Amino acid sequence: LDHYEVLEVARDASPDEIERAYHVARSAYAEGSLATYSLFGERDTEALRHRIELAWRALSDAQSRRDYDR
């Protein structure tokens, strides 16, 4: 998955859409979330949270996003 797929947004998503998707993904995979309780082990959940943070860092900053898109 690339960063856009991790956050489930289109490549032409606006900064607001990316931020919204980040918060939704973060909530869905937060510690103690029912979504992760039975579906993923702790290691898998931690890896997902890490991927979400990496995607957010790359896509939330305009210059980082341009670099990533190249």
PDB file of N, CA and C in Angstrom:
ATOM      1  N   LEU A   1       0.835  -1.201   0.000  1.00  0.00           N
ATOM      2  CA  LEU A   1       0.000   0.000   0.000  1.00  0.00           C
ATOM      3  C   LEU A   1       0.869   1.249   0.000  1.00  0.00           C
ATOM      4  N   ASP A   2       0.466   2.228  -0.805  1.00  0.00           N
ATOM      5  CA  ASP A   2       1.165   3.505  -0.716  1.00  0.00           C
ATOM      6  C   ASP A   2       0.460   4.368   0.340  1.00  0.00           C
ATOM      7  N   HIS A   3       1.006   5.565   0.574  1.00  0.00           N
ATOM      8  CA  HIS A   3       0.460   6.421   1.631  1.00  0.00           C
ATOM      9  C   HIS A   3      -0.992   6.819   1.374  1.00  0.00           C
ATOM     10  N   TYR A   4      -1.342   7.009   0.114  1.00  0.00           N
ATOM     11  CA  TYR A   4      -2.725   7.367  -0.206  1.00  0.00           C
ATOM     12  C   TYR A   4      -3.669   6.208   0.122  1.00  0.00           C
ATOM     13  N   GLU A   5      -3.234   5.014  -0.170  1.00  0.00           N
ATOM     14  CA  GLU A   5      -4.061   3.835   0.119  1.00  0.00           C
ATOM     15  C   GLU A   5      -4.183   3.612   1.624  1.00  0.00           C
ATOM     16  N   VAL A   6      -3.115   3.857   2.355  1.00  0.00           N
ATOM     17  CA  VAL A   6      -3.162   3.706   3.811  1.00  0.00           C
ATOM     18  C   VAL A   6      -4.234   4.614   4.403  1.00  0.00           C
ATOM     19  N   LEU A   7      -4.290   5.843   3.921  1.00  0.00           N
ATOM     20  CA  LEU A   7      -5.284   6.795   4.435  1.00  0.00           C
ATOM     21  C   LEU A   7      -6.611   6.730   3.687  1.00  0.00           C
ATOM     22  N   GLU A   8      -6.660   5.896   2.643  1.00  0.00           N
ATOM     23  CA  GLU A   8      -7.872   5.713   1.847  1.00  0.00           C
ATOM     24  C   GLU A   8      -8.367   7.029   1.248  1.00  0.00           C
ATOM     25  N   VAL A   9      -7.442   7.733   0.591  1.00  0.00           N
ATOM     26  CA  VAL A   9      -7.792   8.972  -0.109  1.00  0.00           C
ATOM     27  C   VAL A   9      -7.267   8.894  -1.544  1.00  0.00           C
ATOM     28  N   ALA A  10      -7.858   9.692  -2.394  1.00  0.00           N
ATOM     29  CA  ALA A  10      -7.412   9.773  -3.787  1.00  0.00           C
ATOM     30  C   ALA A  10      -6.110  10.565  -3.862  1.00  0.00           C
ATOM     31  N   ARG A  11      -5.364  10.351  -4.929  1.00  0.00           N
ATOM     32  CA  ARG A  11      -4.100  11.068  -5.117  1.00  0.00           C
ATOM     33  C   ARG A  11      -4.309  12.581  -5.228  1.00  0.00           C
ATOM     34  N   ASP A  12      -5.483  12.994  -5.651  1.00  0.00           N
ATOM     35  CA  ASP A  12      -5.749  14.428  -5.767  1.00  0.00           C
ATOM     36  C   ASP A  12      -6.542  14.967  -4.566  1.00  0.00           C
ATOM     37  N   ALA A  13      -6.517  14.254  -3.469  1.00  0.00           N
ATOM     38  CA  ALA A  13      -7.249  14.677  -2.269  1.00  0.00           C
ATOM     39  C   ALA A  13      -6.709  16.014  -1.764  1.00  0.00           C
ATOM     40  N   SER A  14      -7.620  16.815  -1.258  1.00  0.00           N
ATOM     41  CA  SER A  14      -7.231  18.113  -0.703  1.00  0.00           C
ATOM     42  C   SER A  14      -6.554  17.903   0.655  1.00  0.00           C
ATOM     43  N   PRO A  15      -5.823  18.904   1.121  1.00  0.00           N
ATOM     44  CA  PRO A  15      -5.219  18.801   2.457  1.00  0.00           C
ATOM     45  C   PRO A  15      -6.260  18.514   3.553  1.00  0.00           C
ATOM     46  N   ASP A  16      -7.440  19.101   3.424  1.00  0.00           N
ATOM     47  CA  ASP A  16      -8.499  18.851   4.417  1.00  0.00           C
ATOM     48  C   ASP A  16      -8.967  17.396   4.380  1.00  0.00           C
ATOM     49  N   GLU A  17      -9.091  16.846   3.178  1.00  0.00           N
ATOM     50  CA  GLU A  17      -9.498  15.442   3.048  1.00  0.00           C
ATOM     51  C   GLU A  17      -8.442  14.515   3.650  1.00  0.00           C
ATOM     52  N   ILE A  18      -7.190  14.840   3.432  1.00  0.00           N
ATOM     53  CA  ILE A  18      -6.102  14.031   3.987  1.00  0.00           C
ATOM     54  C   ILE A  18      -6.120  14.104   5.506  1.00  0.00           C
ATOM     55  N   GLU A  19      -6.306  15.288   6.036  1.00  0.00           N
ATOM     56  CA  GLU A  19      -6.347  15.432   7.496  1.00  0.00           C
ATOM     57  C   GLU A  19      -7.526  14.666   8.091  1.00  0.00           C
ATOM     58  N   ARG A  20      -8.666  14.770   7.469  1.00  0.00           N
ATOM     59  CA  ARG A  20      -9.857  14.057   7.944  1.00  0.00           C
ATOM     60  C   ARG A  20      -9.623  12.546   7.913  1.00  0.00           C
ATOM     61  N   ALA A  21      -9.058  12.063   6.816  1.00  0.00           N
ATOM     62  CA  ALA A  21      -8.791  10.627   6.672  1.00  0.00           C
ATOM     63  C   ALA A  21      -7.779  10.148   7.714  1.00  0.00           C
ATOM     64  N   TYR A  22      -6.796  10.976   7.995  1.00  0.00           N
ATOM     65  CA  TYR A  22      -5.804  10.641   9.021  1.00  0.00           C
ATOM     66  C   TYR A  22      -6.477  10.460  10.381  1.00  0.00           C
ATOM     67  N   HIS A  23      -7.332  11.393  10.741  1.00  0.00           N
ATOM     68  CA  HIS A  23      -8.005  11.309  12.044  1.00  0.00           C
ATOM     69  C   HIS A  23      -8.939  10.092  12.116  1.00  0.00           C
ATOM     70  N   VAL A  24      -9.607   9.791  11.032  1.00  0.00           N
ATOM     71  CA  VAL A  24     -10.484   8.616  10.996  1.00  0.00           C
ATOM     72  C   VAL A  24      -9.656   7.342  11.152  1.00  0.00           C
ATOM     73  N   ALA A  25      -8.568   7.242  10.407  1.00  0.00           N
ATOM     74  CA  ALA A  25      -7.711   6.047  10.480  1.00  0.00           C
ATOM     75  C   ALA A  25      -7.096   5.918  11.860  1.00  0.00           C
ATOM     76  N   ARG A  26      -6.641   7.020  12.401  1.00  0.00           N
ATOM     77  CA  ARG A  26      -6.044   6.988  13.741  1.00  0.00           C
ATOM     78  C   ARG A  26      -7.044   6.510  14.789  1.00  0.00           C
ATOM     79  N   SER A  27      -8.257   6.997  14.690  1.00  0.00           N
ATOM     80  CA  SER A  27      -9.308   6.575  15.628  1.00  0.00           C
ATOM     81  C   SER A  27      -9.644   5.101  15.462  1.00  0.00           C
ATOM     82  N   ALA A  28      -9.715   4.662  14.223  1.00  0.00           N
ATOM     83  CA  ALA A  28     -10.079   3.273  13.956  1.00  0.00           C
ATOM     84  C   ALA A  28      -9.054   2.297  14.521  1.00  0.00           C
ATOM     85  N   TYR A  29      -7.786   2.689  14.520  1.00  0.00           N
ATOM     86  CA  TYR A  29      -6.736   1.789  14.983  1.00  0.00           C
ATOM     87  C   TYR A  29      -6.108   2.228  16.301  1.00  0.00           C
ATOM     88  N   ALA A  30      -6.834   3.058  17.042  1.00  0.00           N
ATOM     89  CA  ALA A  30      -6.344   3.514  18.339  1.00  0.00           C
ATOM     90  C   ALA A  30      -6.288   2.347  19.318  1.00  0.00           C
ATOM     91  N   GLU A  31      -5.450   2.491  20.308  1.00  0.00           N
ATOM     92  CA  GLU A  31      -5.355   1.465  21.334  1.00  0.00           C
ATOM     93  C   GLU A  31      -6.721   1.264  21.981  1.00  0.00           C
ATOM     94  N   GLY A  32      -7.123   0.021  22.108  1.00  0.00           N
ATOM     95  CA  GLY A  32      -8.402  -0.290  22.715  1.00  0.00           C
ATOM     96  C   GLY A  32      -9.594  -0.194  21.778  1.00  0.00           C
ATOM     97  N   SER A  33      -9.360   0.145  20.534  1.00  0.00           N
ATOM     98  CA  SER A  33     -10.444   0.253  19.566  1.00  0.00           C
ATOM     99  C   SER A  33     -11.075  -1.115  19.324  1.00  0.00           C
ATOM    100  N   LEU A  34     -12.387  -1.149  19.252  1.00  0.00           N
ATOM    101  CA  LEU A  34     -13.077  -2.409  18.984  1.00  0.00           C
ATOM    102  C   LEU A  34     -12.718  -2.970  17.615  1.00  0.00           C
ATOM    103  N   ALA A  35     -12.403  -2.084  16.665  1.00  0.00           N
ATOM    104  CA  ALA A  35     -12.048  -2.531  15.320  1.00  0.00           C
ATOM    105  C   ALA A  35     -10.786  -3.383  15.328  1.00  0.00           C
ATOM    106  N   THR A  36      -9.881  -3.079  16.213  1.00  0.00           N
ATOM    107  CA  THR A  36      -8.614  -3.824  16.243  1.00  0.00           C
ATOM    108  C   THR A  36      -8.630  -4.961  17.251  1.00  0.00           C
ATOM    109  N   TYR A  37      -9.557  -4.920  18.174  1.00  0.00           N
ATOM    110  CA  TYR A  37      -9.562  -5.883  19.268  1.00  0.00           C
ATOM    111  C   TYR A  37      -9.558  -7.330  18.778  1.00  0.00           C
ATOM    112  N   SER A  38     -10.436  -7.655  17.852  1.00  0.00           N
ATOM    113  CA  SER A  38     -10.545  -9.042  17.420  1.00  0.00           C
ATOM    114  C   SER A  38      -9.932  -9.312  16.050  1.00  0.00           C
ATOM    115  N   LEU A  39      -9.613  -8.275  15.312  1.00  0.00           N
ATOM    116  CA  LEU A  39      -9.107  -8.470  13.955  1.00  0.00           C
ATOM    117  C   LEU A  39      -7.593  -8.575  13.867  1.00  0.00           C
ATOM    118  N   PHE A  40      -6.894  -7.844  14.715  1.00  0.00           N
ATOM    119  CA  PHE A  40      -5.447  -7.775  14.606  1.00  0.00           C
ATOM    120  C   PHE A  40      -4.784  -8.060  15.951  1.00  0.00           C
ATOM    121  N   GLY A  41      -3.601  -8.640  15.864  1.00  0.00           N
ATOM    122  CA  GLY A  41      -2.791  -8.791  17.060  1.00  0.00           C
ATOM    123  C   GLY A  41      -2.145  -7.459  17.381  1.00  0.00           C
ATOM    124  N   GLU A  42      -1.539  -7.358  18.552  1.00  0.00           N
ATOM    125  CA  GLU A  42      -0.917  -6.099  18.971  1.00  0.00           C
ATOM    126  C   GLU A  42       0.184  -5.655  18.004  1.00  0.00           C
ATOM    127  N   ARG A  43       0.974  -6.596  17.529  1.00  0.00           N
ATOM    128  CA  ARG A  43       2.045  -6.253  16.572  1.00  0.00           C
ATOM    129  C   ARG A  43       1.479  -5.682  15.275  1.00  0.00           C
ATOM    130  N   ASP A  44       0.441  -6.324  14.766  1.00  0.00           N
ATOM    131  CA  ASP A  44      -0.176  -5.854  13.526  1.00  0.00           C
ATOM    132  C   ASP A  44      -0.786  -4.464  13.705  1.00  0.00           C
ATOM    133  N   THR A  45      -1.439  -4.264  14.824  1.00  0.00           N
ATOM    134  CA  THR A  45      -2.056  -2.971  15.105  1.00  0.00           C
ATOM    135  C   THR A  45      -0.993  -1.888  15.212  1.00  0.00           C
ATOM    136  N   GLU A  46       0.088  -2.196  15.881  1.00  0.00           N
ATOM    137  CA  GLU A  46       1.182  -1.230  16.020  1.00  0.00           C
ATOM    138  C   GLU A  46       1.776  -0.898  14.651  1.00  0.00           C
ATOM    139  N   ALA A  47       1.927  -1.895  13.804  1.00  0.00           N
ATOM    140  CA  ALA A  47       2.450  -1.668  12.449  1.00  0.00           C
ATOM    141  C   ALA A  47       1.500  -0.783  11.641  1.00  0.00           C
ATOM    142  N   LEU A  48       0.206  -1.015  11.774  1.00  0.00           N
ATOM    143  CA  LEU A  48      -0.782  -0.178  11.075  1.00  0.00           C
ATOM    144  C   LEU A  48      -0.718   1.267  11.559  1.00  0.00           C
ATOM    145  N   ARG A  49      -0.617   1.444  12.863  1.00  0.00           N
ATOM    146  CA  ARG A  49      -0.523   2.805  13.411  1.00  0.00           C
ATOM    147  C   ARG A  49       0.735   3.500  12.908  1.00  0.00           C
ATOM    148  N   HIS A  50       1.820   2.761  12.808  1.00  0.00           N
ATOM    149  CA  HIS A  50       3.074   3.317  12.309  1.00  0.00           C
ATOM    150  C   HIS A  50       2.914   3.745  10.841  1.00  0.00           C
ATOM    151  N   ARG A  51       2.289   2.911  10.021  1.00  0.00           N
ATOM    152  CA  ARG A  51       2.063   3.239   8.600  1.00  0.00           C
ATOM    153  C   ARG A  51       1.173   4.475   8.462  1.00  0.00           C
ATOM    154  N   ILE A  52       0.176   4.589   9.311  1.00  0.00           N
ATOM    155  CA  ILE A  52      -0.712   5.754   9.286  1.00  0.00           C
ATOM    156  C   ILE A  52       0.075   7.028   9.599  1.00  0.00           C
ATOM    157  N   GLU A  53       0.937   6.964  10.600  1.00  0.00           N
ATOM    158  CA  GLU A  53       1.755   8.128  10.963  1.00  0.00           C
ATOM    159  C   GLU A  53       2.721   8.499   9.839  1.00  0.00           C
ATOM    160  N   LEU A  54       3.344   7.503   9.217  1.00  0.00           N
ATOM    161  CA  LEU A  54       4.246   7.774   8.091  1.00  0.00           C
ATOM    162  C   LEU A  54       3.492   8.441   6.941  1.00  0.00           C
ATOM    163  N   ALA A  55       2.312   7.932   6.653  1.00  0.00           N
ATOM    164  CA  ALA A  55       1.499   8.503   5.575  1.00  0.00           C
ATOM    165  C   ALA A  55       1.134   9.950   5.905  1.00  0.00           C
ATOM    166  N   TRP A  56       0.746  10.194   7.122  1.00  0.00           N
ATOM    167  CA  TRP A  56       0.367  11.545   7.541  1.00  0.00           C
ATOM    168  C   TRP A  56       1.549  12.505   7.394  1.00  0.00           C
ATOM    169  N   ARG A  57       2.720  12.085   7.859  1.00  0.00           N
ATOM    170  CA  ARG A  57       3.895  12.948   7.765  1.00  0.00           C
ATOM    171  C   ARG A  57       4.233  13.275   6.316  1.00  0.00           C
ATOM    172  N   ALA A  58       4.121  12.290   5.446  1.00  0.00           N
ATOM    173  CA  ALA A  58       4.473  12.492   4.039  1.00  0.00           C
ATOM    174  C   ALA A  58       3.451  13.345   3.298  1.00  0.00           C
ATOM    175  N   LEU A  59       2.182  13.196   3.625  1.00  0.00           N
ATOM    176  CA  LEU A  59       1.135  13.855   2.848  1.00  0.00           C
ATOM    177  C   LEU A  59       0.611  15.153   3.459  1.00  0.00           C
ATOM    178  N   SER A  60       0.886  15.400   4.717  1.00  0.00           N
ATOM    179  CA  SER A  60       0.334  16.593   5.364  1.00  0.00           C
ATOM    180  C   SER A  60       1.128  17.855   5.053  1.00  0.00           C
ATOM    181  N   ASP A  61       2.376  17.717   4.663  1.00  0.00           N
ATOM    182  CA  ASP A  61       3.224  18.844   4.324  1.00  0.00           C
ATOM    183  C   ASP A  61       3.318  18.935   2.798  1.00  0.00           C
ATOM    184  N   ALA A  62       3.071  20.116   2.258  1.00  0.00           N
ATOM    185  CA  ALA A  62       3.014  20.283   0.800  1.00  0.00           C
ATOM    186  C   ALA A  62       4.311  19.848   0.115  1.00  0.00           C
ATOM    187  N   GLN A  63       5.456  20.253   0.646  1.00  0.00           N
ATOM    188  CA  GLN A  63       6.726  19.884   0.018  1.00  0.00           C
ATOM    189  C   GLN A  63       6.982  18.385   0.126  1.00  0.00           C
ATOM    190  N   SER A  64       6.720  17.804   1.278  1.00  0.00           N
ATOM    191  CA  SER A  64       6.899  16.356   1.459  1.00  0.00           C
ATOM    192  C   SER A  64       5.994  15.587   0.504  1.00  0.00           C
ATOM    193  N   ARG A  65       4.794  16.088   0.320  1.00  0.00           N
ATOM    194  CA  ARG A  65       3.853  15.427  -0.582  1.00  0.00           C
ATOM    195  C   ARG A  65       4.336  15.492  -2.030  1.00  0.00           C
ATOM    196  N   ARG A  66       4.837  16.659  -2.438  1.00  0.00           N
ATOM    197  CA  ARG A  66       5.379  16.771  -3.795  1.00  0.00           C
ATOM    198  C   ARG A  66       6.555  15.809  -3.995  1.00  0.00           C
ATOM    199  N   ASP A  67       7.434  15.745  -3.003  1.00  0.00           N
ATOM    200  CA  ASP A  67       8.575  14.822  -3.078  1.00  0.00           C
ATOM    201  C   ASP A  67       8.092  13.373  -3.159  1.00  0.00           C
ATOM    202  N   TYR A  68       7.126  13.043  -2.343  1.00  0.00           N
ATOM    203  CA  TYR A  68       6.587  11.677  -2.350  1.00  0.00           C
ATOM    204  C   TYR A  68       5.947  11.346  -3.696  1.00  0.00           C
ATOM    205  N   ASP A  69       5.210  12.270  -4.241  1.00  0.00           N
ATOM    206  CA  ASP A  69       4.523  12.038  -5.509  1.00  0.00           C
ATOM    207  C   ASP A  69       5.493  11.845  -6.675  1.00  0.00           C
ATOM    208  N   ARG A  70       6.667  12.436  -6.552  1.00  0.00           N
ATOM    209  CA  ARG A  70       7.672  12.244  -7.596  1.00  0.00           C
ATOM    210  C   ARG A  70       8.207  10.847  -7.497  1.00  0.00           C
TER     211      ARG A  70
END
